[in-house]
Protein backbone atom coordinates (compact mmCIF):
# COMPACT_ATOMS: atom_id res chain seq x y z
CA MET A 1 -4.46 7.35 -3.15
CA ILE A 2 -1.63 8.84 -5.20
CA ARG A 3 1.35 7.59 -2.73
CA LEU A 4 0.05 4.05 -2.78
CA VAL A 5 0.19 4.15 -6.90
CA ASN A 6 3.48 5.84 -6.10
CA ALA A 7 5.09 3.44 -3.70
CA ASN A 8 3.94 0.15 -6.34
CA HIS A 9 6.36 2.04 -9.10
CA GLY A 10 3.31 3.29 -10.34
CA ILE A 11 2.76 6.96 -12.17
CA ILE A 12 -0.40 9.12 -12.09
CA ASN A 13 -0.59 9.91 -16.23
CA LYS A 14 -3.56 12.36 -15.73
CA PHE A 15 -6.41 13.14 -13.54
CA LEU A 16 -10.11 12.83 -14.68
CA GLY A 17 -12.63 14.29 -13.40
CA ASP A 18 -12.65 12.47 -10.19
CA GLY A 19 -10.38 9.83 -10.73
CA PHE A 20 -7.21 9.28 -12.15
CA MET A 21 -5.32 6.82 -15.06
CA ALA A 22 -2.40 5.36 -13.49
CA CYS A 23 0.68 3.64 -15.59
CA PHE A 24 2.84 0.70 -14.60
CA GLY A 25 5.60 -0.05 -16.58
CA ALA A 26 5.84 3.13 -18.52
CA PRO A 27 8.30 4.57 -19.23
CA LEU A 28 10.42 1.95 -17.31
CA SER A 29 9.63 -1.63 -16.27
CA ASP A 30 10.52 -3.39 -13.63
CA GLY A 31 9.57 -6.92 -14.87
CA ARG A 32 6.14 -6.81 -12.13
CA ASP A 33 4.16 -4.47 -13.88
CA THR A 34 0.85 -6.37 -13.38
CA GLN A 35 2.07 -7.46 -9.95
CA ASN A 36 2.57 -3.60 -8.95
CA ALA A 37 -0.56 -2.78 -10.63
CA VAL A 38 -2.90 -5.33 -8.43
CA ARG A 39 -1.21 -4.49 -5.67
CA ALA A 40 -1.95 -0.71 -5.69
CA ALA A 41 -5.43 -1.44 -6.66
CA VAL A 42 -5.87 -3.75 -3.66
CA GLU A 43 -4.43 -1.10 -1.18
CA ILE A 44 -6.15 1.70 -3.09
CA ALA A 45 -10.08 -0.29 -2.33
CA GLN A 46 -8.53 -1.25 1.27
CA THR A 47 -7.52 2.32 2.33
CA VAL A 48 -10.98 3.34 1.04
CA GLU A 49 -12.95 0.53 3.08
CA ARG A 50 -10.80 1.84 6.17
CA LEU A 51 -11.00 5.59 6.01
CA CYS A 52 -15.14 4.88 5.45
CA SER A 53 -15.20 2.39 8.08
CA GLU A 54 -13.50 4.86 10.41
CA GLY A 55 -15.98 7.78 9.85
CA ARG A 56 -13.02 9.61 8.15
CA ILE A 57 -14.74 9.79 4.55
CA ALA A 58 -18.51 9.62 3.66
CA PRO A 59 -19.33 6.15 2.63
CA THR A 60 -17.76 6.26 -1.17
CA ARG A 61 -18.15 3.65 -4.22
CA ILE A 62 -14.67 3.35 -6.68
CA GLY A 63 -14.21 1.61 -9.22
CA ILE A 64 -10.85 0.52 -10.61
CA GLY A 65 -10.37 -1.03 -13.99
CA LEU A 66 -6.98 -2.64 -15.13
CA HIS A 67 -5.70 -4.32 -18.11
CA ALA A 68 -2.21 -5.70 -18.96
CA GLY A 69 -1.01 -5.38 -22.46
CA THR A 70 0.89 -3.09 -24.81
CA ALA A 71 0.45 0.60 -24.94
CA VAL A 72 2.32 3.52 -27.03
CA THR A 73 3.70 5.99 -24.58
CA GLY A 74 5.57 9.31 -24.72
CA SER A 75 5.33 12.83 -25.54
CA VAL A 76 2.38 13.84 -28.22
CA GLY A 77 1.67 17.70 -29.32
CA SER A 78 3.33 20.38 -31.09
CA ASP A 79 5.29 23.10 -29.93
CA GLU A 80 2.44 25.15 -28.49
CA ARG A 81 1.34 21.90 -26.40
CA ARG A 82 2.67 18.76 -25.70
CA GLU A 83 2.04 16.11 -22.92
CA TYR A 84 3.40 12.76 -21.92
CA THR A 85 0.23 10.20 -22.87
CA ILE A 86 -0.36 6.43 -23.01
CA ILE A 87 -2.87 5.34 -25.52
CA GLY A 88 -4.33 2.18 -27.24
CA ASP A 89 -6.50 -0.35 -26.81
CA THR A 90 -5.24 -1.77 -23.60
CA VAL A 91 -5.83 1.72 -22.20
CA ASN A 92 -9.61 1.66 -23.69
CA LEU A 93 -10.01 -1.66 -22.21
CA ALA A 94 -9.11 -0.46 -18.61
CA SER A 95 -11.47 2.64 -19.38
CA ARG A 96 -14.01 0.28 -19.81
CA VAL A 97 -13.60 -2.34 -17.24
CA GLU A 98 -13.63 1.12 -14.75
CA GLN A 99 -16.90 2.22 -16.19
CA LEU A 100 -18.70 -1.06 -15.80
CA THR A 101 -17.78 -0.83 -12.01
CA GLU A 102 -20.32 2.08 -11.78
CA ARG A 103 -22.89 -0.78 -12.51
CA TYR A 104 -21.60 -3.77 -11.06
CA VAL A 105 -19.79 -2.79 -7.82
CA ALA A 106 -21.10 -2.09 -4.52
CA PRO A 107 -20.20 0.82 -2.44
CA CYS A 108 -17.99 0.53 0.59
CA CYS A 109 -19.42 0.81 3.82
CA SER A 110 -22.77 0.69 2.64
């Protein structure tokens, strides 16, 4: 899945348990950030479905939350610990949309 994000001009900002947060348009935008994000999401869903139907992975449920808007990006922290992060309402809403998929999205290959 990381390869698909990278191929669509995104970056993986952080890994979160069994998932990850990807960003499109930061630190540099190519002007097609929303299209790139949607394309990556569709390709990820199609890849999971294909791998599942080929029997290469077990039936798998995925959730993808997308939201477009402004966010604050950059290195935060101190000299002891610093990380590149993305914060703001846009990130929070995308996370909440992804959480809703647990309730409203059927598993692949069911």
